[in-house]
PDB file of N, CA and C in Angstrom:
ATOM      1  N   MET A   1    -236.099  -6.275-109.099  1.00  0.00           N
ATOM      2  CA  MET A   1    -237.260  -6.144-109.950  1.00  0.00           C
ATOM      3  C   MET A   1    -236.872  -6.663-111.333  1.00  0.00           C
ATOM      4  N   ILE A   2    -237.686  -7.555-111.891  1.00  0.00           N
ATOM      5  CA  ILE A   2    -237.410  -8.102-113.219  1.00  0.00           C
ATOM      6  C   ILE A   2    -238.204  -7.344-114.273  1.00  0.00           C
ATOM      7  N   ARG A   3    -237.820  -7.551-115.537  1.00  0.00           N
ATOM      8  CA  ARG A   3    -238.410  -6.763-116.635  1.00  0.00           C
ATOM      9  C   ARG A   3    -239.926  -6.822-116.673  1.00  0.00           C
ATOM     10  N   ASP A   4    -240.496  -8.007-116.440  1.00  0.00           N
ATOM     11  CA  ASP A   4    -241.958  -8.101-116.452  1.00  0.00           C
ATOM     12  C   ASP A   4    -242.586  -7.254-115.353  1.00  0.00           C
ATOM     13  N   ASP A   5    -241.926  -7.200-114.192  1.00  0.00           N
ATOM     14  CA  ASP A   5    -242.425  -6.365-113.099  1.00  0.00           C
ATOM     15  C   ASP A   5    -242.362  -4.883-113.462  1.00  0.00           C
ATOM     16  N   ILE A   6    -241.272  -4.481-114.102  1.00  0.00           N
ATOM     17  CA  ILE A   6    -241.111  -3.083-114.510  1.00  0.00           C
ATOM     18  C   ILE A   6    -242.189  -2.699-115.509  1.00  0.00           C
ATOM     19  N   LEU A   7    -242.386  -3.553-116.515  1.00  0.00           N
ATOM     20  CA  LEU A   7    -243.402  -3.265-117.535  1.00  0.00           C
ATOM     21  C   LEU A   7    -244.814  -3.293-116.956  1.00  0.00           C
ATOM     22  N   ALA A   8    -245.082  -4.246-116.074  1.00  0.00           N
ATOM     23  CA  ALA A   8    -246.412  -4.339-115.460  1.00  0.00           C
ATOM     24  C   ALA A   8    -246.699  -3.113-114.604  1.00  0.00           C
ATOM     25  N   LYS A   9    -245.697  -2.672-113.843  1.00  0.00           N
ATOM     26  CA  LYS A   9    -245.885  -1.487-113.003  1.00  0.00           C
ATOM     27  C   LYS A   9    -246.104  -0.245-113.866  1.00  0.00           C
ATOM     28  N   ALA A  10    -245.314  -0.105-114.932  1.00  0.00           N
ATOM     29  CA  ALA A  10    -245.500   1.034-115.840  1.00  0.00           C
ATOM     30  C   ALA A  10    -246.898   1.013-116.431  1.00  0.00           C
ATOM     31  N   SER A  11    -247.345  -0.158-116.848  1.00  0.00           N
ATOM     32  CA  SER A  11    -248.680  -0.282-117.427  1.00  0.00           C
ATOM     33  C   SER A  11    -249.764   0.092-116.422  1.00  0.00           C
ATOM     34  N   SER A  12    -249.619  -0.369-115.194  1.00  0.00           N
ATOM     35  CA  SER A  12    -250.638  -0.052-114.188  1.00  0.00           C
ATOM     36  C   SER A  12    -250.670   1.437-113.882  1.00  0.00           C
ATOM     37  N   ILE A  13    -249.507   2.075-113.937  1.00  0.00           N
ATOM     38  CA  ILE A  13    -249.456   3.518-113.661  1.00  0.00           C
ATOM     39  C   ILE A  13    -250.100   4.309-114.790  1.00  0.00           C
ATOM     40  N   ILE A  14    -249.703   4.046-116.045  1.00  0.00           N
ATOM     41  CA  ILE A  14    -250.211   4.875-117.148  1.00  0.00           C
ATOM     42  C   ILE A  14    -251.651   4.538-117.514  1.00  0.00           C
ATOM     43  N   ASN A  15    -252.113   3.365-117.133  1.00  0.00           N
ATOM     44  CA  ASN A  15    -253.491   2.979-117.443  1.00  0.00           C
ATOM     45  C   ASN A  15    -254.412   3.076-116.241  1.00  0.00           C
ATOM     46  N   GLY A  16    -253.914   3.577-115.139  1.00  0.00           N
ATOM     47  CA  GLY A  16    -254.739   3.601-113.943  1.00  0.00           C
ATOM     48  C   GLY A  16    -254.532   4.820-113.089  1.00  0.00           C
ATOM     49  N   GLU A  17    -253.625   4.685-112.116  1.00  0.00           N
ATOM     50  CA  GLU A  17    -253.528   5.691-111.067  1.00  0.00           C
ATOM     51  C   GLU A  17    -253.178   7.086-111.574  1.00  0.00           C
ATOM     52  N   ARG A  18    -252.251   7.215-112.523  1.00  0.00           N
ATOM     53  CA  ARG A  18    -251.871   8.557-112.989  1.00  0.00           C
ATOM     54  C   ARG A  18    -252.983   9.186-113.821  1.00  0.00           C
ATOM     55  N   GLU A  19    -253.632   8.384-114.665  1.00  0.00           N
ATOM     56  CA  GLU A  19    -254.723   8.945-115.475  1.00  0.00           C
ATOM     57  C   GLU A  19    -255.857   9.403-114.572  1.00  0.00           C
ATOM     58  N   GLY A  20    -256.101   8.649-113.504  1.00  0.00           N
ATOM     59  CA  GLY A  20    -257.147   9.044-112.569  1.00  0.00           C
ATOM     60  C   GLY A  20    -256.822  10.343-111.861  1.00  0.00           C
ATOM     61  N   THR A  21    -255.539  10.585-111.631  1.00  0.00           N
ATOM     62  CA  THR A  21    -255.108  11.795-110.940  1.00  0.00           C
ATOM     63  C   THR A  21    -254.967  12.984-111.881  1.00  0.00           C
ATOM     64  N   TYR A  22    -254.329  12.771-113.030  1.00  0.00           N
ATOM     65  CA  TYR A  22    -253.960  13.883-113.915  1.00  0.00           C
ATOM     66  C   TYR A  22    -254.764  13.963-115.204  1.00  0.00           C
ATOM     67  N   GLY A  23    -255.647  13.011-115.447  1.00  0.00           N
ATOM     68  CA  GLY A  23    -256.437  13.019-116.681  1.00  0.00           C
ATOM     69  C   GLY A  23    -255.725  12.280-117.796  1.00  0.00           C
ATOM     70  N   ARG A  24    -256.300  12.326-118.974  1.00  0.00           N
ATOM     71  CA  ARG A  24    -255.765  11.599-120.122  1.00  0.00           C
ATOM     72  C   ARG A  24    -254.384  12.126-120.481  1.00  0.00           C
ATOM     73  N   PRO A  25    -253.420  11.223-120.700  1.00  0.00           N
ATOM     74  CA  PRO A  25    -252.054  11.650-121.003  1.00  0.00           C
ATOM     75  C   PRO A  25    -251.957  12.571-122.221  1.00  0.00           C
ATOM     76  N   GLU A  26    -252.757  12.298-123.253  1.00  0.00           N
ATOM     77  CA  GLU A  26    -252.703  13.152-124.446  1.00  0.00           C
ATOM     78  C   GLU A  26    -253.024  14.596-124.087  1.00  0.00           C
ATOM     79  N   ASN A  27    -254.009  14.778-123.219  1.00  0.00           N
ATOM     80  CA  ASN A  27    -254.392  16.129-122.807  1.00  0.00           C
ATOM     81  C   ASN A  27    -253.304  16.767-121.949  1.00  0.00           C
ATOM     82  N   SER A  28    -252.767  15.997-121.024  1.00  0.00           N
ATOM     83  CA  SER A  28    -251.714  16.498-120.150  1.00  0.00           C
ATOM     84  C   SER A  28    -250.467  16.868-120.940  1.00  0.00           C
ATOM     85  N   PHE A  29    -250.044  15.999-121.862  1.00  0.00           N
ATOM     86  CA  PHE A  29    -248.850  16.269-122.656  1.00  0.00           C
ATOM     87  C   PHE A  29    -249.076  17.467-123.585  1.00  0.00           C
ATOM     88  N   THR A  30    -250.298  17.661-124.043  1.00  0.00           N
ATOM     89  CA  THR A  30    -250.606  18.825-124.882  1.00  0.00           C
ATOM     90  C   THR A  30    -250.477  20.112-124.073  1.00  0.00           C
ATOM     91  N   VAL A  31    -251.017  20.121-122.866  1.00  0.00           N
ATOM     92  CA  VAL A  31    -250.903  21.307-122.007  1.00  0.00           C
ATOM     93  C   VAL A  31    -249.434  21.582-121.686  1.00  0.00           C
ATOM     94  N   ILE A  32    -248.687  20.528-121.340  1.00  0.00           N
ATOM     95  CA  ILE A  32    -247.261  20.694-121.051  1.00  0.00           C
ATOM     96  C   ILE A  32    -246.536  21.252-122.275  1.00  0.00           C
ATOM     97  N   SER A  33    -246.827  20.714-123.461  1.00  0.00           N
ATOM     98  CA  SER A  33    -246.149  21.185-124.676  1.00  0.00           C
ATOM     99  C   SER A  33    -246.467  22.653-124.950  1.00  0.00           C
ATOM    100  N   GLU A  34    -247.692  23.065-124.686  1.00  0.00           N
ATOM    101  CA  GLU A  34    -248.069  24.461-124.902  1.00  0.00           C
ATOM    102  C   GLU A  34    -247.336  25.385-123.917  1.00  0.00           C
ATOM    103  N   LEU A  35    -247.246  24.966-122.668  1.00  0.00           N
ATOM    104  CA  LEU A  35    -246.545  25.770-121.670  1.00  0.00           C
ATOM    105  C   LEU A  35    -245.052  25.853-121.970  1.00  0.00           C
ATOM    106  N   TRP A  36    -244.448  24.713-122.314  1.00  0.00           N
ATOM    107  CA  TRP A  36    -243.023  24.706-122.642  1.00  0.00           C
ATOM    108  C   TRP A  36    -242.762  25.520-123.908  1.00  0.00           C
ATOM    109  N   SER A  37    -243.659  25.440-124.882  1.00  0.00           N
ATOM    110  CA  SER A  37    -243.511  26.219-126.120  1.00  0.00           C
ATOM    111  C   SER A  37    -243.514  27.710-125.819  1.00  0.00           C
ATOM    112  N   ALA A  38    -244.434  28.128-124.972  1.00  0.00           N
ATOM    113  CA  ALA A  38    -244.508  29.545-124.620  1.00  0.00           C
ATOM    114  C   ALA A  38    -243.243  29.974-123.873  1.00  0.00           C
ATOM    115  N   TYR A  39    -242.796  29.166-122.950  1.00  0.00           N
ATOM    116  CA  TYR A  39    -241.614  29.496-122.163  1.00  0.00           C
ATOM    117  C   TYR A  39    -240.351  29.531-123.026  1.00  0.00           C
ATOM    118  N   LEU A  40    -240.197  28.539-123.896  1.00  0.00           N
ATOM    119  CA  LEU A  40    -238.991  28.429-124.723  1.00  0.00           C
ATOM    120  C   LEU A  40    -239.060  29.251-126.017  1.00  0.00           C
ATOM    121  N   ARG A  41    -240.263  29.744-126.327  1.00  0.00           N
ATOM    122  CA  ARG A  41    -240.496  30.508-127.554  1.00  0.00           C
ATOM    123  C   ARG A  41    -240.134  29.708-128.803  1.00  0.00           C
ATOM    124  N   ARG A  42    -240.475  28.415-128.764  1.00  0.00           N
ATOM    125  CA  ARG A  42    -240.327  27.523-129.913  1.00  0.00           C
ATOM    126  C   ARG A  42    -241.346  26.418-129.749  1.00  0.00           C
ATOM    127  N   SER A  43    -241.689  25.791-130.830  1.00  0.00           N
ATOM    128  CA  SER A  43    -242.733  24.775-130.811  1.00  0.00           C
ATOM    129  C   SER A  43    -242.238  23.464-130.189  1.00  0.00           C
ATOM    130  N   ILE A  44    -242.972  23.005-129.198  1.00  0.00           N
ATOM    131  CA  ILE A  44    -242.734  21.712-128.557  1.00  0.00           C
ATOM    132  C   ILE A  44    -244.005  20.897-128.738  1.00  0.00           C
ATOM    133  N   THR A  45    -243.864  19.678-129.212  1.00  0.00           N
ATOM    134  CA  THR A  45    -245.026  18.813-129.423  1.00  0.00           C
ATOM    135  C   THR A  45    -245.245  17.907-128.218  1.00  0.00           C
ATOM    136  N   PRO A  46    -246.422  17.308-128.109  1.00  0.00           N
ATOM    137  CA  PRO A  46    -246.636  16.310-127.062  1.00  0.00           C
ATOM    138  C   PRO A  46    -245.635  15.149-127.148  1.00  0.00           C
ATOM    139  N   THR A  47    -245.217  14.768-128.353  1.00  0.00           N
ATOM    140  CA  THR A  47    -244.192  13.727-128.498  1.00  0.00           C
ATOM    141  C   THR A  47    -242.867  14.212-127.927  1.00  0.00           C
ATOM    142  N   ASP A  48    -242.530  15.481-128.155  1.00  0.00           N
ATOM    143  CA  ASP A  48    -241.324  16.050-127.547  1.00  0.00           C
ATOM    144  C   ASP A  48    -241.385  15.951-126.023  1.00  0.00           C
ATOM    145  N   VAL A  49    -242.566  16.190-125.464  1.00  0.00           N
ATOM    146  CA  VAL A  49    -242.725  16.101-124.014  1.00  0.00           C
ATOM    147  C   VAL A  49    -242.347  14.699-123.530  1.00  0.00           C
ATOM    148  N   ALA A  50    -242.846  13.677-124.206  1.00  0.00           N
ATOM    149  CA  ALA A  50    -242.513  12.303-123.816  1.00  0.00           C
ATOM    150  C   ALA A  50    -241.008  12.065-123.894  1.00  0.00           C
ATOM    151  N   ASN A  51    -240.394  12.494-125.002  1.00  0.00           N
ATOM    152  CA  ASN A  51    -238.948  12.308-125.169  1.00  0.00           C
ATOM    153  C   ASN A  51    -238.151  13.057-124.101  1.00  0.00           C
ATOM    154  N   LEU A  52    -238.561  14.272-123.802  1.00  0.00           N
ATOM    155  CA  LEU A  52    -237.842  15.070-122.807  1.00  0.00           C
ATOM    156  C   LEU A  52    -238.015  14.505-121.403  1.00  0.00           C
ATOM    157  N   MET A  53    -239.177  13.955-121.114  1.00  0.00           N
ATOM    158  CA  MET A  53    -239.375  13.329-119.816  1.00  0.00           C
ATOM    159  C   MET A  53    -238.524  12.064-119.686  1.00  0.00           C
ATOM    160  N   ILE A  54    -238.378  11.323-120.776  1.00  0.00           N
ATOM    161  CA  ILE A  54    -237.482  10.160-120.774  1.00  0.00           C
ATOM    162  C   ILE A  54    -236.050  10.624-120.501  1.00  0.00           C
ATOM    163  N   LEU A  55    -235.636  11.719-121.145  1.00  0.00           N
ATOM    164  CA  LEU A  55    -234.284  12.243-120.911  1.00  0.00           C
ATOM    165  C   LEU A  55    -234.095  12.696-119.459  1.00  0.00           C
ATOM    166  N   LEU A  56    -235.132  13.249-118.861  1.00  0.00           N
ATOM    167  CA  LEU A  56    -235.057  13.617-117.448  1.00  0.00           C
ATOM    168  C   LEU A  56    -234.773  12.375-116.603  1.00  0.00           C
ATOM    169  N   LYS A  57    -235.480  11.292-116.888  1.00  0.00           N
ATOM    170  CA  LYS A  57    -235.277  10.058-116.127  1.00  0.00           C
ATOM    171  C   LYS A  57    -233.883   9.476-116.389  1.00  0.00           C
ATOM    172  N   ILE A  58    -233.394   9.593-117.623  1.00  0.00           N
ATOM    173  CA  ILE A  58    -232.034   9.139-117.935  1.00  0.00           C
ATOM    174  C   ILE A  58    -231.019   9.969-117.145  1.00  0.00           C
ATOM    175  N   ALA A  59    -231.236  11.271-117.074  1.00  0.00           N
ATOM    176  CA  ALA A  59    -230.335  12.137-116.304  1.00  0.00           C
ATOM    177  C   ALA A  59    -230.312  11.712-114.838  1.00  0.00           C
ATOM    178  N   ARG A  60    -231.452  11.350-114.309  1.00  0.00           N
ATOM    179  CA  ARG A  60    -231.493  10.887-112.922  1.00  0.00           C
ATOM    180  C   ARG A  60    -230.742   9.576-112.772  1.00  0.00           C
ATOM    181  N   ASN A  61    -230.859   8.693-113.767  1.00  0.00           N
ATOM    182  CA  ASN A  61    -230.096   7.440-113.723  1.00  0.00           C
ATOM    183  C   ASN A  61    -228.595   7.704-113.745  1.00  0.00           C
ATOM    184  N   CYS A  62    -228.184   8.770-114.409  1.00  0.00           N
ATOM    185  CA  CYS A  62    -226.759   9.095-114.511  1.00  0.00           C
ATOM    186  C   CYS A  62    -226.153   9.511-113.171  1.00  0.00           C
ATOM    187  N   SER A  63    -226.990   9.772-112.186  1.00  0.00           N
ATOM    188  CA  SER A  63    -226.483  10.135-110.860  1.00  0.00           C
ATOM    189  C   SER A  63    -225.783   8.963-110.188  1.00  0.00           C
ATOM    190  N   GLY A  64    -226.035   7.756-110.702  1.00  0.00           N
ATOM    191  CA  GLY A  64    -225.430   6.567-110.119  1.00  0.00           C
ATOM    192  C   GLY A  64    -226.260   5.944-109.012  1.00  0.00           C
ATOM    193  N   VAL A  65    -227.347   6.605-108.662  1.00  0.00           N
ATOM    194  CA  VAL A  65    -228.233   6.072-107.626  1.00  0.00           C
ATOM    195  C   VAL A  65    -229.333   5.269-108.315  1.00  0.00           C
ATOM    196  N   TYR A  66    -229.460   3.989-107.940  1.00  0.00           N
ATOM    197  CA  TYR A  66    -230.493   3.148-108.535  1.00  0.00           C
ATOM    198  C   TYR A  66    -231.837   3.462-107.907  1.00  0.00           C
ATOM    199  N   LYS A  67    -232.802   3.691-108.773  1.00  0.00           N
ATOM    200  CA  LYS A  67    -234.176   3.866-108.326  1.00  0.00           C
ATOM    201  C   LYS A  67    -235.057   3.233-109.393  1.00  0.00           C
ATOM    202  N   ALA A  68    -235.762   2.187-109.035  1.00  0.00           N
ATOM    203  CA  ALA A  68    -236.606   1.468-109.988  1.00  0.00           C
ATOM    204  C   ALA A  68    -237.619   2.394-110.653  1.00  0.00           C
ATOM    205  N   ASP A  69    -238.062   3.392-109.917  1.00  0.00           N
ATOM    206  CA  ASP A  69    -239.054   4.336-110.440  1.00  0.00           C
ATOM    207  C   ASP A  69    -238.604   4.980-111.747  1.00  0.00           C
ATOM    208  N   ASN A  70    -237.311   5.270-111.881  1.00  0.00           N
ATOM    209  CA  ASN A  70    -236.823   5.884-113.120  1.00  0.00           C
ATOM    210  C   ASN A  70    -237.061   4.968-114.304  1.00  0.00           C
ATOM    211  N   TRP A  71    -236.742   3.687-114.156  1.00  0.00           N
ATOM    212  CA  TRP A  71    -236.923   2.730-115.253  1.00  0.00           C
ATOM    213  C   TRP A  71    -238.408   2.510-115.550  1.00  0.00           C
ATOM    214  N   ILE A  72    -239.207   2.463-114.516  1.00  0.00           N
ATOM    215  CA  ILE A  72    -240.658   2.303-114.698  1.00  0.00           C
ATOM    216  C   ILE A  72    -241.213   3.496-115.470  1.00  0.00           C
ATOM    217  N   ASP A  73    -240.816   4.695-115.061  1.00  0.00           N
ATOM    218  CA  ASP A  73    -241.309   5.905-115.731  1.00  0.00           C
ATOM    219  C   ASP A  73    -240.825   5.999-117.175  1.00  0.00           C
ATOM    220  N   ILE A  74    -239.585   5.572-117.452  1.00  0.00           N
ATOM    221  CA  ILE A  74    -239.090   5.566-118.831  1.00  0.00           C
ATOM    222  C   ILE A  74    -239.994   4.693-119.700  1.00  0.00           C
ATOM    223  N   CYS A  75    -240.346   3.508-119.190  1.00  0.00           N
ATOM    224  CA  CYS A  75    -241.239   2.615-119.941  1.00  0.00           C
ATOM    225  C   CYS A  75    -242.599   3.271-120.172  1.00  0.00           C
ATOM    226  N   GLY A  76    -243.116   3.911-119.140  1.00  0.00           N
ATOM    227  CA  GLY A  76    -244.414   4.569-119.260  1.00  0.00           C
ATOM    228  C   GLY A  76    -244.390   5.717-120.252  1.00  0.00           C
ATOM    229  N   TYR A  77    -243.376   6.565-120.162  1.00  0.00           N
ATOM    230  CA  TYR A  77    -243.265   7.678-121.104  1.00  0.00           C
ATOM    231  C   TYR A  77    -243.064   7.183-122.529  1.00  0.00           C
ATOM    232  N   ALA A  78    -242.311   6.101-122.698  1.00  0.00           N
ATOM    233  CA  ALA A  78    -242.095   5.544-124.037  1.00  0.00           C
ATOM    234  C   ALA A  78    -243.407   5.033-124.622  1.00  0.00           C
ATOM    235  N   ALA A  79    -244.192   4.349-123.822  1.00  0.00           N
ATOM    236  CA  ALA A  79    -245.477   3.833-124.305  1.00  0.00           C
ATOM    237  C   ALA A  79    -246.425   4.979-124.668  1.00  0.00           C
ATOM    238  N   LEU A  80    -246.499   5.965-123.801  1.00  0.00           N
ATOM    239  CA  LEU A  80    -247.376   7.105-124.082  1.00  0.00           C
ATOM    240  C   LEU A  80    -246.880   7.893-125.285  1.00  0.00           C
ATOM    241  N   GLY A  81    -245.567   8.103-125.364  1.00  0.00           N
ATOM    242  CA  GLY A  81    -245.006   8.832-126.504  1.00  0.00           C
ATOM    243  C   GLY A  81    -245.263   8.124-127.817  1.00  0.00           C
ATOM    244  N   GLY A  82    -245.106   6.811-127.818  1.00  0.00           N
ATOM    245  CA  GLY A  82    -245.379   6.049-129.039  1.00  0.00           C
ATOM    246  C   GLY A  82    -246.825   6.178-129.478  1.00  0.00           C
ATOM    247  N   GLU A  83    -247.728   6.101-128.536  1.00  0.00           N
ATOM    248  CA  GLU A  83    -249.154   6.232-128.856  1.00  0.00           C
ATOM    249  C   GLU A  83    -249.491   7.637-129.345  1.00  0.00           C
ATOM    250  N   ILE A  84    -248.953   8.633-128.672  1.00  0.00           N
ATOM    251  CA  ILE A  84    -249.222  10.021-129.046  1.00  0.00           C
ATOM    252  C   ILE A  84    -248.647  10.318-130.424  1.00  0.00           C
ATOM    253  N   GLN A  85    -247.410   9.871-130.690  1.00  0.00           N
ATOM    254  CA  GLN A  85    -246.803  10.150-131.996  1.00  0.00           C
ATOM    255  C   GLN A  85    -247.565   9.449-133.114  1.00  0.00           C
ATOM    256  N   GLU A  86    -248.046   8.256-132.852  1.00  0.00           N
ATOM    257  CA  GLU A  86    -248.835   7.568-133.879  1.00  0.00           C
ATOM    258  C   GLU A  86    -250.088   8.368-134.217  1.00  0.00           C
ATOM    259  N   LYS A  87    -250.745   8.904-133.205  1.00  0.00           N
ATOM    260  CA  LYS A  87    -251.933   9.739-133.430  1.00  0.00           C
ATOM    261  C   LYS A  87    -251.554  11.011-134.187  1.00  0.00           C
ATOM    262  N   GLU A  88    -250.443  11.644-133.802  1.00  0.00           N
ATOM    263  CA  GLU A  88    -249.997  12.857-134.497  1.00  0.00           C
ATOM    264  C   GLU A  88    -249.753  12.568-135.985  1.00  0.00           C
ATOM    265  N   ASN A  89    -249.105  11.454-136.277  1.00  0.00           N
ATOM    266  CA  ASN A  89    -248.790  11.106-137.667  1.00  0.00           C
ATOM    267  C   ASN A  89    -250.043  10.745-138.458  1.00  0.00           C
ATOM    268  N   SER A  90    -251.007  10.136-137.825  1.00  0.00           N
ATOM    269  CA  SER A  90    -252.226   9.749-138.540  1.00  0.00           C
ATOM    270  C   SER A  90    -253.122  10.944-138.834  1.00  0.00           C
ATOM    271  N   GLU A  91    -252.929  12.031-138.081  1.00  0.00           N
ATOM    272  CA  GLU A  91    -253.735  13.243-138.289  1.00  0.00           C
ATOM    273  C   GLU A  91    -253.164  14.136-139.381  1.00  0.00           C
ATOM    274  N   GLN A  92    -251.967  13.831-139.865  1.00  0.00           N
ATOM    275  CA  GLN A  92    -251.334  14.683-140.879  1.00  0.00           C
ATOM    276  C   GLN A  92    -251.809  14.334-142.259  1.00  0.00           C
TER     277      GLN A  92
END
């Protein structure tokens, strides 16, 4: 899989199939951040959710087993995190 394929697949996932299944990413990441905040008893933002999900995928890559899905998901989480953080910063 080449870089354009990875980016195209990530784009199709975050702009199509996943949003259709789970709803708007901003809403999903907000719900996740609220649940994680309650569980951890500290504030977690939707941007933190994106960063932590990227770290989860990095941890999976560290297993030494290649799976294209990890790289695709990292790209998707990075794109969503960047968009969410920009919105968070513009609202301040």
